[in-house]
Amino acid sequence: MANTRSPAMSCDDPQVAAWLDALAHQRRLSDATLANYRHALERLRRMAGPAPLSSLETQQLRRHAARLRAQGLAPRTIALTLSAWRGLYRWLARHRGLESNPMAGVRAPKAPRTLPKALSPEAASRLLEATAESSPDAMRDQAMFELLYSSGLRLAELVSLNAGDGALDLRAGEVTVTGKGRKTRTVPVGSRARDALERWMAVRPQLAKSDERALFVGARGARIAPGVVQSRLKHQGQRKGLDAKVHPHVLRHSFASHVLQSSQDLRAVQEMLGHASISTTQVYTHLDFQALAKVYDAAHPRAKKK
């Protein structure tokens, strides 16, 4: 029988493989997340040598965590690695008879909460300003970039969209995507993005294979690869003379920042981004301080001048 497991779940350690399988089928995590967890456990496997992972004790795990710091890994990378270790041992304790979770007392260093960079509204407008090109490739790129900025989609959400399945409703001006944790959300699509998408849909048959379901396709007529989207967007930014390195996450962050600066509605932005926790949105977006100051001056009873 053929092995149907994804590369993200392939693992020589049966305990790790069983845990990843449980994450894939019960929590329905993405292949990318599963791959990150697998890499984290492979790192622990190398550190532990021949000892079974289930035999490691807290002191040993603390030493391995210290080795991560000595290797110069970023605090955020260490935190993600230790989170994977912690999850494995929690699962072993619950489902494989491990007496206790030896990772319970192992803490990660605090990672600085850096803000992703966003384009200014003027830079975003310059990036998305339509060119004179009328080729199907150019129309596809314009539609992709407009949709990323208009709706704050993740790159994986963009490339996974299909044509004709109702996920993209241009008449209603909305798109439905499945994000992290297989959670589905519906977000608005602005008028500029709708216009660009209508132009792309008109020429899509010139590039797409007759049986291709993907909304956006590459040169061979199949679903466009994430790397191609990144490369095309980077090239677009260079052509428009933008100093910043432009990639899809920059457009997602720009969407969130610009909507938040205009509306001051953190909950609405949280919903549109598909964040499970509003604390994630607070880090992901940055409020314009002048806008905050105006809200404070207008609302706080002790801020008003007499």
Protein backbone atom coordinates (compact mmCIF):
# COMPACT_ATOMS: atom_id res chain seq x y z
CA MET A 1 0.00 0.00 0.00
CA ALA A 2 1.39 3.44 -0.95
CA ASN A 3 2.40 5.84 1.78
CA THR A 4 -0.13 8.69 1.68
CA ARG A 5 1.39 10.76 4.46
CA SER A 6 2.65 14.18 3.53
CA PRO A 7 6.39 14.96 3.71
CA ALA A 8 5.66 17.12 6.75
CA MET A 9 4.60 14.00 8.66
CA SER A 10 7.37 11.65 7.52
CA CYS A 11 9.47 10.74 10.54
CA ASP A 12 11.68 7.81 11.61
CA ASP A 13 10.74 8.10 15.29
CA PRO A 14 7.42 6.24 15.81
CA GLN A 15 6.44 8.37 18.81
CA VAL A 16 6.97 11.62 16.93
CA ALA A 17 5.23 10.21 13.86
CA ALA A 18 2.21 9.20 15.95
CA TRP A 19 2.01 12.66 17.53
CA LEU A 20 2.24 14.41 14.16
CA ASP A 21 -0.43 12.09 12.81
CA ALA A 22 -2.70 13.04 15.71
CA LEU A 23 -2.07 16.75 15.08
CA ALA A 24 -2.86 16.35 11.39
CA HIS A 25 -6.11 14.44 11.82
CA GLN A 26 -7.46 15.80 15.10
CA ARG A 27 -6.27 19.41 15.14
CA ARG A 28 -5.99 19.55 11.33
CA LEU A 29 -2.79 21.58 11.36
CA SER A 30 -1.25 22.63 8.07
CA ASP A 31 1.64 20.76 6.45
CA ALA A 32 3.88 23.79 7.06
CA THR A 33 3.16 23.75 10.80
CA LEU A 34 3.66 20.00 10.97
CA ALA A 35 6.98 20.36 9.17
CA ASN A 36 8.12 22.96 11.72
CA TYR A 37 7.20 20.62 14.57
CA ARG A 38 8.99 17.72 12.90
CA HIS A 39 12.16 19.79 12.45
CA ALA A 40 12.03 20.80 16.13
CA LEU A 41 11.76 17.17 17.24
CA GLU A 42 14.49 16.09 14.83
CA ARG A 43 16.75 18.64 16.53
CA LEU A 44 15.94 17.10 19.92
CA ARG A 45 16.49 13.61 18.49
CA ARG A 46 20.02 14.57 17.41
CA MET A 47 20.80 16.10 20.81
CA ALA A 48 19.49 13.09 22.71
CA GLY A 49 21.59 10.60 20.76
CA PRO A 50 20.50 6.97 21.16
CA ALA A 51 18.35 7.65 24.24
CA PRO A 52 14.59 7.33 23.60
CA LEU A 53 12.86 10.72 23.78
CA SER A 54 10.41 9.33 26.32
CA SER A 55 13.32 8.63 28.70
CA LEU A 56 14.60 12.22 28.85
CA GLU A 57 14.23 14.07 32.15
CA THR A 58 13.74 17.76 32.92
CA GLN A 59 17.40 18.45 33.66
CA GLN A 60 18.48 16.89 30.37
CA LEU A 61 15.89 18.91 28.46
CA ARG A 62 17.05 22.09 30.20
CA ARG A 63 20.59 21.37 29.01
CA HIS A 64 19.35 20.79 25.46
CA ALA A 65 17.41 24.06 25.61
CA ALA A 66 20.57 25.81 26.77
CA ARG A 67 22.39 24.34 23.77
CA LEU A 68 19.84 26.01 21.52
CA ARG A 69 20.83 29.34 23.01
CA ALA A 70 24.52 28.50 22.64
CA GLN A 71 23.95 27.73 18.97
CA GLY A 72 22.82 31.33 18.51
CA LEU A 73 19.21 30.62 17.60
CA ALA A 74 16.85 33.56 17.85
CA PRO A 75 14.63 33.67 20.96
CA ARG A 76 11.53 33.25 18.82
CA THR A 77 12.97 30.16 17.12
CA ILE A 78 13.89 28.69 20.51
CA ALA A 79 10.38 29.39 21.80
CA LEU A 80 8.81 27.61 18.82
CA THR A 81 11.19 24.66 19.19
CA LEU A 82 10.47 24.26 22.91
CA SER A 83 6.74 24.55 22.21
CA ALA A 84 6.99 21.54 19.91
CA TRP A 85 8.97 19.60 22.52
CA ARG A 86 6.42 20.52 25.18
CA GLY A 87 3.54 19.42 22.97
CA LEU A 88 5.09 16.03 22.29
CA TYR A 89 5.66 15.27 25.98
CA ARG A 90 2.18 16.50 26.91
CA TRP A 91 0.77 14.06 24.35
CA LEU A 92 3.01 11.20 25.58
CA ALA A 93 1.78 11.81 29.13
CA ARG A 94 -1.86 11.74 28.06
CA HIS A 95 -1.80 8.93 25.50
CA ARG A 96 1.36 6.85 25.95
CA GLY A 97 1.58 6.41 29.72
CA LEU A 98 4.42 8.85 30.46
CA GLU A 99 4.26 9.61 34.18
CA SER A 100 4.71 13.39 33.83
CA ASN A 101 5.67 16.04 31.29
CA PRO A 102 9.41 16.70 31.78
CA MET A 103 9.09 19.90 29.74
CA ALA A 104 6.72 21.47 32.29
CA GLY A 105 9.56 23.26 34.04
CA VAL A 106 11.52 24.28 30.95
CA ARG A 107 10.92 27.88 29.92
CA ALA A 108 11.87 29.65 26.72
CA PRO A 109 13.62 33.02 26.73
CA LYS A 110 11.30 35.93 26.14
CA ALA A 111 11.32 36.96 22.49
CA PRO A 112 11.09 40.64 21.62
CA ARG A 113 7.72 41.35 20.03
CA THR A 114 8.86 43.01 16.85
CA LEU A 115 6.36 44.59 14.48
CA PRO A 116 6.19 43.48 10.85
CA LYS A 117 6.89 46.35 8.48
CA ALA A 118 4.02 47.91 6.54
CA LEU A 119 3.97 50.07 3.46
CA SER A 120 2.66 53.57 3.78
CA PRO A 121 -0.70 54.12 2.06
CA GLU A 122 1.15 56.14 -0.60
CA ALA A 123 3.67 53.33 -1.22
CA ALA A 124 0.88 50.75 -1.39
CA SER A 125 -0.93 52.88 -4.00
CA ARG A 126 2.27 53.22 -6.03
CA LEU A 127 2.90 49.46 -5.87
CA LEU A 128 -0.62 48.64 -7.07
CA GLU A 129 -0.90 51.37 -9.67
CA ALA A 130 -1.90 49.63 -12.90
CA THR A 131 0.67 49.42 -15.66
CA ALA A 132 0.14 49.64 -19.41
CA GLU A 133 0.80 45.91 -19.79
CA SER A 134 -2.21 43.91 -20.92
CA SER A 135 -0.76 40.38 -21.01
CA PRO A 136 -2.54 37.60 -19.08
CA ASP A 137 0.49 37.37 -16.75
CA ALA A 138 0.29 41.07 -15.92
CA MET A 139 -3.48 40.90 -15.34
CA ARG A 140 -3.04 37.87 -13.07
CA ASP A 141 -0.34 39.63 -11.05
CA GLN A 142 -2.45 42.75 -10.65
CA ALA A 143 -5.41 40.67 -9.46
CA MET A 144 -3.28 38.71 -6.96
CA PHE A 145 -1.62 41.77 -5.49
CA GLU A 146 -4.85 43.75 -5.25
CA LEU A 147 -6.56 40.84 -3.49
CA LEU A 148 -3.70 40.38 -1.01
CA TYR A 149 -3.86 44.04 -0.03
CA SER A 150 -7.64 44.40 -0.25
CA SER A 151 -8.50 41.42 1.94
CA GLY A 152 -5.39 40.76 4.04
CA LEU A 153 -4.98 37.20 2.81
CA ARG A 154 -2.08 34.96 3.72
CA LEU A 155 -0.03 33.70 0.78
CA ALA A 156 -1.22 30.12 1.31
CA GLU A 157 -4.84 31.31 1.35
CA LEU A 158 -4.36 33.15 -1.94
CA VAL A 159 -2.79 30.29 -3.88
CA SER A 160 -5.34 27.76 -2.57
CA LEU A 161 -8.33 29.67 -3.98
CA ASN A 162 -10.31 27.88 -6.68
CA ALA A 163 -12.32 29.34 -9.53
CA GLY A 164 -16.02 28.60 -9.74
CA ASP A 165 -16.52 27.06 -6.28
CA GLY A 166 -18.23 30.11 -4.77
CA ALA A 167 -15.31 31.09 -2.52
CA LEU A 168 -14.84 34.29 -4.50
CA ASP A 169 -18.10 36.21 -4.90
CA LEU A 170 -17.38 39.36 -6.89
CA ARG A 171 -21.02 40.43 -6.97
CA ALA A 172 -21.21 40.39 -3.16
CA GLY A 173 -17.65 41.70 -2.89
CA GLU A 174 -16.31 39.00 -0.58
CA VAL A 175 -13.96 36.03 -0.50
CA THR A 176 -14.06 32.98 1.78
CA VAL A 177 -10.76 31.37 2.70
CA THR A 178 -9.54 28.61 4.99
CA GLY A 179 -6.68 29.76 7.19
CA LYS A 180 -4.59 28.37 10.03
CA GLY A 181 -6.17 25.55 11.99
CA ARG A 182 -8.51 24.98 9.01
CA LYS A 183 -10.64 27.89 10.21
CA THR A 184 -12.84 29.46 7.55
CA ARG A 185 -13.54 33.19 7.37
CA THR A 186 -15.18 35.55 4.90
CA VAL A 187 -13.62 38.97 4.24
CA PRO A 188 -14.56 41.89 2.00
CA VAL A 189 -13.03 42.47 -1.43
CA GLY A 190 -12.60 46.12 -2.39
CA SER A 191 -13.71 47.65 -5.68
CA ARG A 192 -10.17 47.94 -7.12
CA ALA A 193 -9.54 44.28 -6.38
CA ARG A 194 -12.91 43.27 -7.87
CA ASP A 195 -12.14 45.14 -11.08
CA ALA A 196 -8.70 43.51 -11.32
CA LEU A 197 -10.18 40.07 -10.66
CA GLU A 198 -12.84 40.52 -13.33
CA ARG A 199 -10.15 41.43 -15.88
CA TRP A 200 -8.10 38.40 -14.86
CA MET A 201 -11.07 36.01 -15.05
CA ALA A 202 -11.71 37.18 -18.62
CA VAL A 203 -8.21 36.14 -19.74
CA ARG A 204 -7.63 33.21 -17.35
CA PRO A 205 -8.59 30.59 -19.99
CA GLN A 206 -5.56 31.74 -22.03
CA LEU A 207 -3.22 30.44 -19.29
CA ALA A 208 -5.15 27.79 -17.36
CA LYS A 209 -5.45 24.16 -18.36
CA SER A 210 -9.00 23.19 -19.26
CA ASP A 211 -9.43 21.08 -16.11
CA GLU A 212 -7.51 23.35 -13.70
CA ARG A 213 -9.53 24.45 -10.67
CA ALA A 214 -7.06 26.99 -9.28
CA LEU A 215 -8.06 30.65 -9.49
CA PHE A 216 -4.46 31.73 -10.11
CA VAL A 217 -2.27 29.68 -12.43
CA GLY A 218 1.36 29.80 -13.48
CA ALA A 219 3.09 29.55 -16.85
CA ARG A 220 2.27 25.84 -17.22
CA GLY A 221 -1.42 26.33 -16.60
CA ALA A 222 -1.47 24.69 -13.16
CA ARG A 223 -1.93 26.23 -9.71
CA ILE A 224 0.61 28.99 -9.18
CA ALA A 225 3.41 28.23 -6.70
CA PRO A 226 3.86 30.44 -3.61
CA GLY A 227 7.45 31.15 -4.66
CA VAL A 228 6.27 32.52 -7.99
CA VAL A 229 3.88 34.93 -6.25
CA GLN A 230 6.70 36.11 -3.98
CA SER A 231 9.08 36.57 -6.90
CA ARG A 232 6.55 38.48 -9.01
CA LEU A 233 5.62 40.78 -6.11
CA LYS A 234 9.27 41.48 -5.32
CA HIS A 235 9.87 42.35 -8.98
CA GLN A 236 6.81 44.62 -8.97
CA GLY A 237 8.15 46.49 -5.97
CA GLN A 238 11.52 46.96 -7.65
CA ARG A 239 9.91 48.21 -10.84
CA LYS A 240 7.89 50.74 -8.88
CA GLY A 241 11.02 52.00 -7.13
CA LEU A 242 10.06 50.97 -3.59
CA ASP A 243 12.96 50.80 -1.15
CA ALA A 244 11.31 48.22 1.09
CA LYS A 245 11.46 44.52 0.26
CA VAL A 246 7.90 43.77 -0.73
CA HIS A 247 6.50 40.31 -0.06
CA PRO A 248 2.95 39.00 0.50
CA HIS A 249 3.12 39.31 4.29
CA VAL A 250 3.96 43.00 3.91
CA LEU A 251 0.70 43.49 2.00
CA ARG A 252 -1.23 41.59 4.69
CA HIS A 253 0.29 43.75 7.39
CA SER A 254 -0.29 46.92 5.36
CA PHE A 255 -3.95 45.96 5.00
CA ALA A 256 -4.29 45.48 8.76
CA SER A 257 -2.40 48.64 9.64
CA HIS A 258 -4.28 50.90 7.24
CA VAL A 259 -7.72 49.57 8.22
CA LEU A 260 -6.85 49.85 11.90
CA GLN A 261 -5.50 53.37 11.60
CA SER A 262 -8.70 54.47 9.88
CA SER A 263 -11.26 52.59 11.96
CA GLN A 264 -9.57 52.04 15.37
CA ASP A 265 -11.62 48.79 15.45
CA LEU A 266 -9.20 46.12 16.68
CA ARG A 267 -11.88 43.41 16.91
CA ALA A 268 -12.94 43.86 13.30
CA VAL A 269 -9.34 43.65 12.10
CA GLN A 270 -8.87 40.53 14.24
CA GLU A 271 -11.83 38.89 12.51
CA MET A 272 -10.64 39.83 9.03
CA LEU A 273 -7.12 38.56 9.69
CA GLY A 274 -8.40 35.31 11.15
CA HIS A 275 -6.49 35.63 14.43
CA ALA A 276 -7.67 33.38 17.26
CA SER A 277 -6.38 35.80 19.89
CA ILE A 278 -6.64 39.57 19.85
CA SER A 279 -3.17 39.74 21.41
CA THR A 280 -1.81 38.44 18.10
CA THR A 281 -3.53 41.28 16.29
CA GLN A 282 -2.13 43.81 18.73
CA VAL A 283 1.41 42.70 17.86
CA TYR A 284 0.72 42.19 14.18
CA THR A 285 -0.67 45.66 13.68
CA HIS A 286 0.61 48.98 14.91
CA LEU A 287 -1.64 51.89 15.72
CA ASP A 288 -0.65 55.28 14.45
CA PHE A 289 0.36 57.16 17.60
CA GLN A 290 -1.07 60.47 16.42
CA ALA A 291 -4.44 58.81 15.82
CA LEU A 292 -4.31 57.28 19.27
CA ALA A 293 -3.40 60.62 20.78
CA LYS A 294 -6.42 62.24 19.16
CA VAL A 295 -8.71 59.51 20.53
CA TYR A 296 -7.16 59.95 23.98
CA ASP A 297 -7.47 63.74 23.92
CA ALA A 298 -11.10 63.53 22.88
CA ALA A 299 -12.14 60.77 25.27
CA HIS A 300 -10.14 61.04 28.48
CA PRO A 301 -11.74 63.44 31.01
CA ARG A 302 -8.36 64.53 32.36
CA ALA A 303 -6.81 65.10 28.93
CA LYS A 304 -9.01 67.99 27.82
CA LYS A 305 -7.67 71.49 28.21
CA LYS A 306 -9.69 73.78 30.45
